[in-house]
Amino acid sequence: MKKFILLFLVIVLAIVFSACSNNTDIPKLVSKEGIAPYELSESDTYLLESFGLEQDANILSFKAPKTARSLKVNVYTLNDDDTWNVMGDGQVSLGQDADPDDRLEGTFTMMLKDNYAIDFNINTKGMASYQTDTLDVDYEITASLKGFLTDFQSIEINKEIPVAIMIYDSGSSMRSYDVGDFFSPSKFEEMDLVQAVTLTFTD
């Protein structure tokens, strides 16, 4: 929890400092419909590194189509039979009284914590925060890989968008993976623990 609070302090400080120097640069949100990594400045990156958060934090910027009325987050673990099991979720909605011209746009932030728990925050027309439970593993993790969405991604209504994949194993080596492998879970067959985070914009 302390790391998560620190992350938001970093973001707020980065925005404040950048706004003081150049108001036209903040916030650095996507300008067209889609989702993409939040564009960190050198000072933003320095702050994250100073707090030791650069490997465990992920910040995304999104602008949903006007037909999207809610955003759902799913956090998964991979079962032994190569199916995904929801270990945590969260959702925000524009609400029934929302103006037809209102749009879901803002930022999604996630923080990987000890014991494989994940904190995430959705900032759009307000702020919502969620946290998954911790996981107990009975083996020693010796190799790991954490992959986040790295490129702009268009948004299709009611279709999951994988934005993070975390792989942990007790072996001595690991091949490369990316978030798109979420749709081919059999690729992780020999890994001890696999987690994934997806976003779904629904109508």
N, C-alpha and C. Protein backbone atom coordinates (compact mmCIF):
# COMPACT_ATOMS: atom_id res chain seq x y z
N MET A 1 0.83 -1.20 0.00
CA MET A 1 0.00 0.00 0.00
C MET A 1 0.87 1.26 0.00
N LYS A 2 1.98 1.22 0.75
CA LYS A 2 2.86 2.39 0.79
C LYS A 2 3.44 2.67 -0.58
N LYS A 3 3.82 1.62 -1.31
CA LYS A 3 4.37 1.82 -2.64
C LYS A 3 3.33 2.43 -3.57
N PHE A 4 2.07 1.98 -3.44
CA PHE A 4 1.01 2.49 -4.29
C PHE A 4 0.78 3.98 -4.03
N ILE A 5 0.78 4.36 -2.75
CA ILE A 5 0.63 5.77 -2.39
C ILE A 5 1.79 6.58 -2.95
N LEU A 6 3.00 6.02 -2.84
CA LEU A 6 4.18 6.71 -3.38
C LEU A 6 4.04 6.91 -4.88
N LEU A 7 3.50 5.90 -5.57
CA LEU A 7 3.36 6.01 -7.02
C LEU A 7 2.46 7.18 -7.38
N PHE A 8 1.34 7.33 -6.68
CA PHE A 8 0.44 8.42 -7.00
C PHE A 8 1.04 9.77 -6.63
N LEU A 9 1.84 9.80 -5.56
CA LEU A 9 2.55 11.04 -5.22
C LEU A 9 3.52 11.40 -6.34
N VAL A 10 4.19 10.39 -6.89
CA VAL A 10 5.11 10.63 -8.00
C VAL A 10 4.38 11.21 -9.19
N ILE A 11 3.23 10.62 -9.52
CA ILE A 11 2.46 11.09 -10.68
C ILE A 11 2.00 12.52 -10.47
N VAL A 12 1.45 12.79 -9.29
CA VAL A 12 0.96 14.14 -8.99
C VAL A 12 2.10 15.15 -9.06
N LEU A 13 3.24 14.81 -8.44
CA LEU A 13 4.38 15.72 -8.46
C LEU A 13 4.87 15.95 -9.88
N ALA A 14 4.90 14.89 -10.67
CA ALA A 14 5.37 15.02 -12.05
C ALA A 14 4.47 15.94 -12.84
N ILE A 15 3.16 15.80 -12.66
CA ILE A 15 2.21 16.65 -13.37
C ILE A 15 2.34 18.10 -12.93
N VAL A 16 2.45 18.30 -11.62
CA VAL A 16 2.57 19.66 -11.10
C VAL A 16 3.83 20.34 -11.62
N PHE A 17 4.97 19.61 -11.52
CA PHE A 17 6.23 20.19 -11.97
C PHE A 17 6.21 20.48 -13.46
N SER A 18 5.66 19.55 -14.23
CA SER A 18 5.63 19.74 -15.68
C SER A 18 4.68 20.87 -16.06
N ALA A 19 3.57 20.97 -15.33
CA ALA A 19 2.61 22.02 -15.62
C ALA A 19 3.22 23.39 -15.36
N CYS A 20 4.06 23.47 -14.33
CA CYS A 20 4.71 24.74 -14.02
C CYS A 20 5.64 25.17 -15.14
N SER A 21 6.26 24.20 -15.79
CA SER A 21 7.23 24.53 -16.82
C SER A 21 6.59 24.73 -18.19
N ASN A 22 5.49 23.99 -18.46
CA ASN A 22 4.86 24.09 -19.77
C ASN A 22 3.44 23.54 -19.68
N ASN A 23 2.47 24.40 -19.53
CA ASN A 23 1.09 23.97 -19.32
C ASN A 23 0.53 23.20 -20.50
N THR A 24 1.05 23.41 -21.70
CA THR A 24 0.49 22.76 -22.87
C THR A 24 0.86 21.28 -22.94
N ASP A 25 1.78 20.82 -22.12
CA ASP A 25 2.23 19.44 -22.21
C ASP A 25 1.46 18.50 -21.29
N ILE A 26 0.59 19.02 -20.41
CA ILE A 26 -0.03 18.19 -19.39
C ILE A 26 -1.54 18.30 -19.48
N PRO A 27 -2.26 17.17 -19.37
CA PRO A 27 -1.71 15.82 -19.26
C PRO A 27 -1.36 15.24 -20.62
N LYS A 28 -0.45 14.29 -20.63
CA LYS A 28 0.00 13.68 -21.87
C LYS A 28 -0.88 12.46 -22.20
N LEU A 29 -2.16 12.71 -22.43
CA LEU A 29 -3.11 11.64 -22.71
C LEU A 29 -3.19 11.41 -24.21
N VAL A 30 -3.69 10.24 -24.59
CA VAL A 30 -3.84 9.95 -26.02
C VAL A 30 -4.84 10.94 -26.61
N SER A 31 -4.58 11.37 -27.82
CA SER A 31 -5.42 12.38 -28.46
C SER A 31 -6.49 11.76 -29.36
N LYS A 32 -6.34 10.48 -29.67
CA LYS A 32 -7.35 9.80 -30.49
C LYS A 32 -7.84 8.56 -29.75
N GLU A 33 -8.95 8.00 -30.21
CA GLU A 33 -9.54 6.86 -29.54
C GLU A 33 -8.57 5.68 -29.51
N GLY A 34 -8.31 5.19 -28.30
CA GLY A 34 -7.40 4.07 -28.13
C GLY A 34 -6.78 4.08 -26.75
N ILE A 35 -5.79 3.23 -26.57
CA ILE A 35 -5.07 3.14 -25.29
C ILE A 35 -3.59 2.99 -25.59
N ALA A 36 -2.77 3.62 -24.76
CA ALA A 36 -1.32 3.62 -25.01
C ALA A 36 -0.60 3.88 -23.70
N PRO A 37 0.69 3.55 -23.65
CA PRO A 37 1.48 3.89 -22.46
C PRO A 37 1.48 5.40 -22.24
N TYR A 38 1.35 5.81 -20.99
CA TYR A 38 1.43 7.23 -20.66
C TYR A 38 2.85 7.71 -20.96
N GLU A 39 2.97 8.84 -21.62
CA GLU A 39 4.27 9.34 -22.03
C GLU A 39 4.97 10.03 -20.87
N LEU A 40 5.92 9.33 -20.29
CA LEU A 40 6.67 9.89 -19.16
C LEU A 40 7.80 10.78 -19.68
N SER A 41 7.96 11.91 -19.04
CA SER A 41 9.09 12.78 -19.35
C SER A 41 10.32 12.24 -18.63
N GLU A 42 11.47 12.83 -18.90
CA GLU A 42 12.70 12.40 -18.21
C GLU A 42 12.58 12.60 -16.71
N SER A 43 11.95 13.69 -16.30
CA SER A 43 11.80 13.94 -14.87
C SER A 43 10.81 12.96 -14.24
N ASP A 44 9.75 12.59 -14.99
CA ASP A 44 8.81 11.57 -14.49
C ASP A 44 9.55 10.25 -14.25
N THR A 45 10.34 9.86 -15.25
CA THR A 45 11.08 8.60 -15.15
C THR A 45 12.07 8.64 -14.00
N TYR A 46 12.72 9.77 -13.84
CA TYR A 46 13.68 9.92 -12.74
C TYR A 46 12.99 9.75 -11.38
N LEU A 47 11.81 10.33 -11.23
CA LEU A 47 11.08 10.20 -9.98
C LEU A 47 10.71 8.75 -9.70
N LEU A 48 10.22 8.04 -10.72
CA LEU A 48 9.88 6.63 -10.54
C LEU A 48 11.10 5.83 -10.13
N GLU A 49 12.22 6.07 -10.80
CA GLU A 49 13.44 5.35 -10.47
C GLU A 49 13.92 5.69 -9.06
N SER A 50 13.73 6.94 -8.66
CA SER A 50 14.16 7.36 -7.32
C SER A 50 13.39 6.62 -6.23
N PHE A 51 12.13 6.30 -6.50
CA PHE A 51 11.32 5.56 -5.54
C PHE A 51 11.40 4.04 -5.75
N GLY A 52 12.19 3.61 -6.75
CA GLY A 52 12.34 2.19 -7.03
C GLY A 52 11.08 1.55 -7.56
N LEU A 53 10.31 2.30 -8.35
CA LEU A 53 9.01 1.81 -8.83
C LEU A 53 8.99 1.49 -10.32
N GLU A 54 10.09 1.73 -11.01
CA GLU A 54 10.05 1.66 -12.47
C GLU A 54 9.75 0.26 -13.01
N GLN A 55 10.10 -0.80 -12.26
CA GLN A 55 9.89 -2.16 -12.74
C GLN A 55 8.51 -2.72 -12.37
N ASP A 56 7.86 -2.09 -11.40
CA ASP A 56 6.61 -2.64 -10.87
C ASP A 56 5.40 -1.77 -11.14
N ALA A 57 5.58 -0.64 -11.81
CA ALA A 57 4.47 0.27 -12.06
C ALA A 57 4.20 0.39 -13.55
N ASN A 58 2.94 0.55 -13.88
CA ASN A 58 2.54 0.71 -15.27
C ASN A 58 1.45 1.78 -15.34
N ILE A 59 1.63 2.75 -16.22
CA ILE A 59 0.66 3.83 -16.37
C ILE A 59 0.21 3.88 -17.84
N LEU A 60 -1.10 3.81 -18.05
CA LEU A 60 -1.66 3.85 -19.38
C LEU A 60 -2.63 5.01 -19.52
N SER A 61 -2.70 5.55 -20.72
CA SER A 61 -3.64 6.61 -21.04
C SER A 61 -4.67 6.06 -22.03
N PHE A 62 -5.95 6.39 -21.83
CA PHE A 62 -6.96 5.85 -22.73
C PHE A 62 -8.01 6.90 -23.09
N LYS A 63 -8.58 6.73 -24.27
CA LYS A 63 -9.70 7.53 -24.74
C LYS A 63 -10.64 6.58 -25.46
N ALA A 64 -11.76 6.27 -24.82
CA ALA A 64 -12.67 5.26 -25.35
C ALA A 64 -13.62 5.85 -26.39
N PRO A 65 -14.15 5.02 -27.27
CA PRO A 65 -15.21 5.49 -28.18
C PRO A 65 -16.41 6.00 -27.37
N LYS A 66 -17.20 6.88 -27.95
CA LYS A 66 -18.34 7.45 -27.23
C LYS A 66 -19.38 6.39 -26.88
N THR A 67 -19.38 5.28 -27.59
CA THR A 67 -20.35 4.22 -27.29
C THR A 67 -19.96 3.43 -26.05
N ALA A 68 -18.75 3.59 -25.57
CA ALA A 68 -18.32 2.88 -24.36
C ALA A 68 -18.89 3.57 -23.13
N ARG A 69 -19.59 2.81 -22.29
CA ARG A 69 -20.20 3.39 -21.10
C ARG A 69 -19.56 2.89 -19.81
N SER A 70 -18.74 1.85 -19.89
CA SER A 70 -18.07 1.36 -18.69
C SER A 70 -16.72 0.76 -19.06
N LEU A 71 -15.86 0.66 -18.05
CA LEU A 71 -14.53 0.06 -18.21
C LEU A 71 -14.35 -0.99 -17.13
N LYS A 72 -14.07 -2.21 -17.55
CA LYS A 72 -13.90 -3.32 -16.61
C LYS A 72 -12.45 -3.79 -16.64
N VAL A 73 -11.89 -4.02 -15.46
CA VAL A 73 -10.54 -4.55 -15.32
C VAL A 73 -10.63 -5.97 -14.77
N ASN A 74 -9.93 -6.90 -15.40
CA ASN A 74 -9.83 -8.27 -14.90
C ASN A 74 -8.37 -8.60 -14.64
N VAL A 75 -8.10 -9.21 -13.49
CA VAL A 75 -6.76 -9.72 -13.16
C VAL A 75 -6.88 -11.24 -13.08
N TYR A 76 -6.06 -11.93 -13.86
CA TYR A 76 -6.16 -13.38 -13.99
C TYR A 76 -4.92 -14.10 -13.46
N THR A 77 -5.11 -15.35 -13.08
CA THR A 77 -4.02 -16.31 -12.94
C THR A 77 -4.32 -17.47 -13.87
N LEU A 78 -3.28 -18.12 -14.35
CA LEU A 78 -3.44 -19.22 -15.29
C LEU A 78 -3.57 -20.55 -14.55
N ASN A 79 -4.63 -21.30 -14.89
CA ASN A 79 -4.84 -22.62 -14.31
C ASN A 79 -3.94 -23.65 -14.98
N ASP A 80 -3.85 -24.84 -14.36
CA ASP A 80 -3.04 -25.92 -14.92
C ASP A 80 -3.57 -26.42 -16.26
N ASP A 81 -4.86 -26.21 -16.53
CA ASP A 81 -5.44 -26.66 -17.79
C ASP A 81 -5.44 -25.57 -18.85
N ASP A 82 -4.59 -24.55 -18.66
CA ASP A 82 -4.42 -23.46 -19.62
C ASP A 82 -5.68 -22.62 -19.80
N THR A 83 -6.46 -22.49 -18.76
CA THR A 83 -7.59 -21.56 -18.76
C THR A 83 -7.32 -20.46 -17.74
N TRP A 84 -7.92 -19.31 -17.97
CA TRP A 84 -7.69 -18.17 -17.09
C TRP A 84 -8.71 -18.14 -15.96
N ASN A 85 -8.25 -17.85 -14.75
CA ASN A 85 -9.10 -17.74 -13.59
C ASN A 85 -9.03 -16.31 -13.05
N VAL A 86 -10.18 -15.66 -12.87
CA VAL A 86 -10.21 -14.28 -12.37
C VAL A 86 -9.84 -14.27 -10.89
N MET A 87 -8.77 -13.55 -10.54
CA MET A 87 -8.37 -13.42 -9.14
C MET A 87 -8.76 -12.07 -8.56
N GLY A 88 -9.22 -11.16 -9.41
CA GLY A 88 -9.65 -9.85 -8.95
C GLY A 88 -10.18 -9.04 -10.12
N ASP A 89 -11.05 -8.09 -9.83
CA ASP A 89 -11.58 -7.24 -10.90
C ASP A 89 -12.07 -5.92 -10.33
N GLY A 90 -12.46 -5.04 -11.22
CA GLY A 90 -13.01 -3.76 -10.84
C GLY A 90 -13.66 -3.12 -12.05
N GLN A 91 -14.55 -2.18 -11.82
CA GLN A 91 -15.28 -1.58 -12.94
C GLN A 91 -15.71 -0.16 -12.60
N VAL A 92 -15.66 0.72 -13.59
CA VAL A 92 -16.20 2.07 -13.48
C VAL A 92 -17.19 2.28 -14.62
N SER A 93 -18.18 3.12 -14.37
CA SER A 93 -19.22 3.36 -15.37
C SER A 93 -19.58 4.83 -15.40
N LEU A 94 -20.01 5.30 -16.55
CA LEU A 94 -20.45 6.68 -16.66
C LEU A 94 -21.78 6.89 -15.94
N GLY A 95 -22.57 5.83 -15.77
CA GLY A 95 -23.83 5.95 -15.05
C GLY A 95 -25.00 6.26 -15.96
N GLN A 96 -26.19 5.97 -15.50
CA GLN A 96 -27.39 6.15 -16.31
C GLN A 96 -27.69 7.63 -16.58
N ASP A 97 -27.25 8.50 -15.70
CA ASP A 97 -27.55 9.92 -15.85
C ASP A 97 -26.47 10.68 -16.62
N ALA A 98 -25.50 9.95 -17.16
CA ALA A 98 -24.41 10.61 -17.87
C ALA A 98 -24.91 11.26 -19.15
N ASP A 99 -24.28 12.36 -19.51
CA ASP A 99 -24.59 13.04 -20.76
C ASP A 99 -24.17 12.16 -21.93
N PRO A 100 -24.94 12.10 -23.00
CA PRO A 100 -24.56 11.27 -24.17
C PRO A 100 -23.20 11.62 -24.73
N ASP A 101 -22.75 12.87 -24.52
CA ASP A 101 -21.44 13.28 -25.04
C ASP A 101 -20.30 12.97 -24.08
N ASP A 102 -20.61 12.50 -22.88
CA ASP A 102 -19.56 12.13 -21.94
C ASP A 102 -18.76 10.96 -22.49
N ARG A 103 -17.47 10.94 -22.15
CA ARG A 103 -16.59 9.90 -22.70
C ARG A 103 -15.68 9.38 -21.58
N LEU A 104 -15.42 8.08 -21.64
CA LEU A 104 -14.44 7.48 -20.73
C LEU A 104 -13.04 7.78 -21.26
N GLU A 105 -12.32 8.64 -20.55
CA GLU A 105 -10.93 8.92 -20.91
C GLU A 105 -10.18 9.31 -19.66
N GLY A 106 -8.92 8.95 -19.61
CA GLY A 106 -8.12 9.23 -18.42
C GLY A 106 -6.93 8.30 -18.36
N THR A 107 -6.64 7.82 -17.15
CA THR A 107 -5.47 6.96 -16.97
C THR A 107 -5.82 5.71 -16.18
N PHE A 108 -5.07 4.67 -16.45
CA PHE A 108 -5.14 3.42 -15.70
C PHE A 108 -3.74 3.17 -15.15
N THR A 109 -3.64 2.96 -13.84
CA THR A 109 -2.36 2.75 -13.18
C THR A 109 -2.39 1.44 -12.41
N MET A 110 -1.35 0.65 -12.55
CA MET A 110 -1.26 -0.59 -11.78
C MET A 110 0.10 -0.70 -11.11
N MET A 111 0.10 -1.36 -9.96
CA MET A 111 1.31 -1.55 -9.18
C MET A 111 1.42 -3.01 -8.75
N LEU A 112 2.53 -3.65 -9.10
CA LEU A 112 2.78 -5.02 -8.67
C LEU A 112 3.35 -4.98 -7.27
N LYS A 113 2.76 -5.75 -6.37
CA LYS A 113 3.15 -5.72 -4.96
C LYS A 113 3.76 -7.05 -4.54
N ASP A 114 4.18 -7.10 -3.28
CA ASP A 114 4.72 -8.34 -2.74
C ASP A 114 3.63 -9.41 -2.72
N ASN A 115 4.06 -10.67 -2.75
CA ASN A 115 3.14 -11.81 -2.71
C ASN A 115 2.14 -11.82 -3.86
N TYR A 116 2.54 -11.19 -4.99
CA TYR A 116 1.80 -11.28 -6.24
C TYR A 116 0.44 -10.60 -6.20
N ALA A 117 0.22 -9.71 -5.25
CA ALA A 117 -0.99 -8.88 -5.24
C ALA A 117 -0.79 -7.73 -6.24
N ILE A 118 -1.88 -7.20 -6.74
CA ILE A 118 -1.82 -6.10 -7.70
C ILE A 118 -2.82 -5.02 -7.28
N ASP A 119 -2.32 -3.79 -7.18
CA ASP A 119 -3.17 -2.64 -6.95
C ASP A 119 -3.39 -1.95 -8.29
N PHE A 120 -4.62 -1.48 -8.54
CA PHE A 120 -4.83 -0.70 -9.75
C PHE A 120 -5.83 0.41 -9.50
N ASN A 121 -5.67 1.47 -10.29
CA ASN A 121 -6.46 2.67 -10.13
C ASN A 121 -6.95 3.14 -11.49
N ILE A 122 -8.22 3.52 -11.56
CA ILE A 122 -8.81 4.07 -12.78
C ILE A 122 -9.19 5.51 -12.50
N ASN A 123 -8.65 6.43 -13.29
CA ASN A 123 -8.94 7.85 -13.11
C ASN A 123 -9.66 8.36 -14.35
N THR A 124 -11.00 8.45 -14.26
CA THR A 124 -11.82 8.96 -15.34
C THR A 124 -13.14 9.42 -14.77
N LYS A 125 -13.45 10.69 -14.89
CA LYS A 125 -14.68 11.24 -14.29
C LYS A 125 -14.75 10.90 -12.81
N GLY A 126 -13.62 10.92 -12.13
CA GLY A 126 -13.52 10.47 -10.76
C GLY A 126 -12.44 9.41 -10.66
N MET A 127 -12.22 8.88 -9.47
CA MET A 127 -11.15 7.92 -9.27
C MET A 127 -11.67 6.69 -8.54
N ALA A 128 -11.24 5.50 -8.99
CA ALA A 128 -11.62 4.25 -8.34
C ALA A 128 -10.37 3.41 -8.16
N SER A 129 -10.22 2.80 -6.97
CA SER A 129 -9.04 2.00 -6.66
C SER A 129 -9.46 0.60 -6.23
N TYR A 130 -8.67 -0.39 -6.62
CA TYR A 130 -8.94 -1.78 -6.30
C TYR A 130 -7.64 -2.49 -5.95
N GLN A 131 -7.76 -3.62 -5.25
CA GLN A 131 -6.59 -4.42 -4.89
C GLN A 131 -6.96 -5.89 -4.91
N THR A 132 -6.09 -6.71 -5.49
CA THR A 132 -6.32 -8.15 -5.49
C THR A 132 -5.74 -8.76 -4.21
N ASP A 133 -6.15 -9.97 -3.92
CA ASP A 133 -5.59 -10.69 -2.78
C ASP A 133 -4.16 -11.15 -3.10
N THR A 134 -3.41 -11.45 -2.05
CA THR A 134 -2.07 -12.00 -2.24
C THR A 134 -2.18 -13.47 -2.62
N LEU A 135 -1.10 -14.02 -3.17
CA LEU A 135 -1.04 -15.43 -3.54
C LEU A 135 0.08 -16.11 -2.76
N ASP A 136 -0.18 -17.33 -2.30
CA ASP A 136 0.86 -18.12 -1.64
C ASP A 136 1.38 -19.16 -2.63
N VAL A 137 2.71 -19.20 -2.80
CA VAL A 137 3.32 -20.20 -3.67
C VAL A 137 4.24 -21.08 -2.84
N ASP A 138 4.31 -22.36 -3.19
CA ASP A 138 5.10 -23.32 -2.40
C ASP A 138 6.39 -23.71 -3.12
N TYR A 139 6.92 -22.80 -3.94
CA TYR A 139 8.17 -23.05 -4.64
C TYR A 139 8.95 -21.75 -4.69
N GLU A 140 10.25 -21.87 -4.93
CA GLU A 140 11.10 -20.68 -4.98
C GLU A 140 11.15 -20.12 -6.40
N ILE A 141 10.78 -18.87 -6.55
CA ILE A 141 10.82 -18.23 -7.86
C ILE A 141 12.25 -17.78 -8.16
N THR A 142 12.79 -18.29 -9.25
CA THR A 142 14.17 -17.94 -9.62
C THR A 142 14.24 -17.16 -10.93
N ALA A 143 13.14 -17.14 -11.68
CA ALA A 143 13.11 -16.40 -12.95
C ALA A 143 11.75 -15.73 -13.09
N SER A 144 11.76 -14.53 -13.64
CA SER A 144 10.49 -13.82 -13.81
C SER A 144 10.58 -12.88 -15.00
N LEU A 145 9.43 -12.55 -15.54
CA LEU A 145 9.34 -11.61 -16.65
C LEU A 145 8.06 -10.81 -16.47
N LYS A 146 8.16 -9.49 -16.60
CA LYS A 146 7.00 -8.61 -16.48
C LYS A 146 6.88 -7.80 -17.76
N GLY A 147 5.78 -7.99 -18.45
CA GLY A 147 5.58 -7.30 -19.72
C GLY A 147 4.34 -6.43 -19.68
N PHE A 148 4.46 -5.20 -20.19
CA PHE A 148 3.34 -4.27 -20.22
C PHE A 148 3.05 -3.85 -21.66
N LEU A 149 1.87 -3.33 -21.89
CA LEU A 149 1.52 -2.79 -23.20
C LEU A 149 2.53 -1.71 -23.57
N THR A 150 3.11 -1.82 -24.76
CA THR A 150 4.17 -0.88 -25.15
C THR A 150 3.79 0.02 -26.32
N ASP A 151 2.72 -0.31 -27.03
CA ASP A 151 2.35 0.45 -28.22
C ASP A 151 0.88 0.87 -28.15
N PHE A 152 0.54 1.85 -28.95
CA PHE A 152 -0.86 2.28 -29.06
C PHE A 152 -1.73 1.11 -29.50
N GLN A 153 -2.89 0.98 -28.89
CA GLN A 153 -3.82 -0.10 -29.20
C GLN A 153 -5.21 0.50 -29.42
N SER A 154 -5.83 0.15 -30.55
CA SER A 154 -7.20 0.62 -30.77
C SER A 154 -8.15 -0.11 -29.82
N ILE A 155 -9.29 0.48 -29.59
CA ILE A 155 -10.28 -0.09 -28.67
C ILE A 155 -11.47 -0.63 -29.45
N GLU A 156 -11.77 -1.91 -29.23
CA GLU A 156 -12.97 -2.51 -29.78
C GLU A 156 -13.94 -2.75 -28.62
N ILE A 157 -15.16 -2.28 -28.77
CA ILE A 157 -16.14 -2.41 -27.70
C ILE A 157 -16.37 -3.88 -27.36
N ASN A 158 -16.41 -4.16 -26.06
CA ASN A 158 -16.69 -5.50 -25.52
C ASN A 158 -15.59 -6.52 -25.83
N LYS A 159 -14.40 -6.07 -26.18
CA LYS A 159 -13.29 -6.99 -26.44
C LYS A 159 -12.15 -6.70 -25.47
N GLU A 160 -11.64 -7.76 -24.82
CA GLU A 160 -10.57 -7.60 -23.85
C GLU A 160 -9.27 -7.13 -24.51
N ILE A 161 -8.61 -6.21 -23.83
CA ILE A 161 -7.30 -5.73 -24.26
C ILE A 161 -6.29 -6.12 -23.19
N PRO A 162 -5.39 -7.08 -23.45
CA PRO A 162 -4.36 -7.41 -22.45
C PRO A 162 -3.36 -6.26 -22.33
N VAL A 163 -3.11 -5.82 -21.09
CA VAL A 163 -2.21 -4.69 -20.89
C VAL A 163 -1.00 -5.06 -20.03
N ALA A 164 -1.03 -6.23 -19.41
CA ALA A 164 0.12 -6.66 -18.60
C ALA A 164 0.13 -8.17 -18.50
N ILE A 165 1.34 -8.73 -18.48
CA ILE A 165 1.52 -10.17 -18.30
C ILE A 165 2.74 -10.37 -17.40
N MET A 166 2.58 -11.19 -16.38
CA MET A 166 3.66 -11.44 -15.42
C MET A 166 3.87 -12.95 -15.32
N ILE A 167 5.11 -13.41 -15.57
CA ILE A 167 5.42 -14.83 -15.57
C ILE A 167 6.50 -15.10 -14.53
N TYR A 168 6.29 -16.12 -13.71
CA TYR A 168 7.23 -16.50 -12.66
C TYR A 168 7.49 -17.99 -12.74
N ASP A 169 8.75 -18.39 -12.52
CA ASP A 169 9.08 -19.80 -12.65
C ASP A 169 10.23 -20.16 -11.71
N SER A 170 10.28 -21.43 -11.34
CA SER A 170 11.34 -21.92 -10.46
C SER A 170 12.53 -22.48 -11.25
N GLY A 171 12.45 -22.40 -12.57
CA GLY A 171 13.55 -22.88 -13.41
C GLY A 171 14.66 -21.85 -13.53
N SER A 172 15.61 -22.15 -14.39
CA SER A 172 16.78 -21.29 -14.54
C SER A 172 16.76 -20.45 -15.81
N SER A 173 15.74 -20.64 -16.65
CA SER A 173 15.68 -19.87 -17.89
C SER A 173 14.23 -19.60 -18.26
N MET A 174 14.03 -18.62 -19.14
CA MET A 174 12.69 -18.26 -19.57
C MET A 174 12.77 -17.61 -20.93
N ARG A 175 11.90 -17.99 -21.82
CA ARG A 175 11.88 -17.35 -23.13
C ARG A 175 11.07 -16.06 -23.05
N SER A 176 11.07 -15.29 -24.11
CA SER A 176 10.37 -14.01 -24.10
C SER A 176 8.88 -14.20 -24.37
N TYR A 177 8.08 -13.33 -23.77
CA TYR A 177 6.64 -13.31 -23.98
C TYR A 177 6.20 -11.87 -24.16
N ASP A 178 4.97 -11.68 -24.68
CA ASP A 178 4.40 -10.33 -24.71
C ASP A 178 2.93 -10.42 -24.35
N VAL A 179 2.30 -9.27 -24.16
CA VAL A 179 0.92 -9.24 -23.67
C VAL A 179 -0.04 -9.94 -24.62
N GLY A 180 0.27 -9.98 -25.91
CA GLY A 180 -0.60 -10.65 -26.88
C GLY A 180 -0.70 -12.15 -26.67
N ASP A 181 0.27 -12.72 -25.93
CA ASP A 181 0.23 -14.15 -25.65
C ASP A 181 -0.92 -14.52 -24.70
N PHE A 182 -1.58 -13.52 -24.15
CA PHE A 182 -2.75 -13.78 -23.31
C PHE A 182 -3.77 -14.65 -24.05
N PHE A 183 -3.88 -14.43 -25.35
CA PHE A 183 -4.87 -15.16 -26.15
C PHE A 183 -4.39 -16.56 -26.55
N SER A 184 -3.15 -16.90 -26.19
CA SER A 184 -2.61 -18.24 -26.45
C SER A 184 -2.00 -18.78 -25.17
N PRO A 185 -2.83 -19.05 -24.17
CA PRO A 185 -2.31 -19.43 -22.84
C PRO A 185 -1.47 -20.70 -22.82
N SER A 186 -1.62 -21.55 -23.84
CA SER A 186 -0.82 -22.77 -23.86
C SER A 186 0.66 -22.48 -23.98
N LYS A 187 1.03 -21.25 -24.41
CA LYS A 187 2.44 -20.88 -24.52
C LYS A 187 3.13 -20.85 -23.16
N PHE A 188 2.33 -20.71 -22.09
CA PHE A 188 2.89 -20.62 -20.75
C PHE A 188 2.87 -21.96 -20.02
N GLU A 189 2.68 -23.03 -20.74
CA GLU A 189 2.40 -24.34 -20.14
C GLU A 189 3.43 -24.77 -19.09
N GLU A 190 4.68 -24.47 -19.28
CA GLU A 190 5.72 -24.94 -18.36
C GLU A 190 6.04 -23.95 -17.24
N MET A 191 5.37 -22.82 -17.22
CA MET A 191 5.65 -21.81 -16.21
C MET A 191 4.86 -22.09 -14.92
N ASP A 192 5.46 -21.75 -13.79
CA ASP A 192 4.83 -22.05 -12.50
C ASP A 192 3.67 -21.12 -12.17
N LEU A 193 3.83 -19.83 -12.45
CA LEU A 193 2.79 -18.86 -12.13
C LEU A 193 2.72 -17.81 -13.23
N VAL A 194 1.51 -17.60 -13.75
CA VAL A 194 1.31 -16.58 -14.78
C VAL A 194 0.10 -15.72 -14.38
N GLN A 195 0.29 -14.42 -14.44
CA GLN A 195 -0.79 -13.48 -14.17
C GLN A 195 -0.98 -12.57 -15.38
N ALA A 196 -2.19 -12.09 -15.57
CA ALA A 196 -2.48 -11.18 -16.68
C ALA A 196 -3.49 -10.14 -16.23
N VAL A 197 -3.41 -8.96 -16.84
CA VAL A 197 -4.36 -7.90 -16.58
C VAL A 197 -4.95 -7.46 -17.92
N THR A 198 -6.29 -7.37 -17.98
CA THR A 198 -6.95 -6.92 -19.21
C THR A 198 -7.92 -5.79 -18.90
N LEU A 199 -8.15 -4.97 -19.90
CA LEU A 199 -9.16 -3.92 -19.83
C LEU A 199 -10.22 -4.19 -20.90
N THR A 200 -11.49 -3.98 -20.56
CA THR A 200 -12.58 -4.15 -21.50
C THR A 200 -13.50 -2.94 -21.42
N PHE A 201 -13.66 -2.28 -22.54
CA PHE A 201 -14.60 -1.16 -22.62
C PHE A 201 -15.93 -1.69 -23.16
N THR A 202 -17.00 -1.51 -22.39
CA THR A 202 -18.28 -2.12 -22.75
C THR A 202 -19.33 -1.04 -23.03
N ASP A 203 -20.36 -1.46 -23.76
CA ASP A 203 -21.44 -0.54 -24.09
C ASP A 203 -22.66 -0.76 -23.20
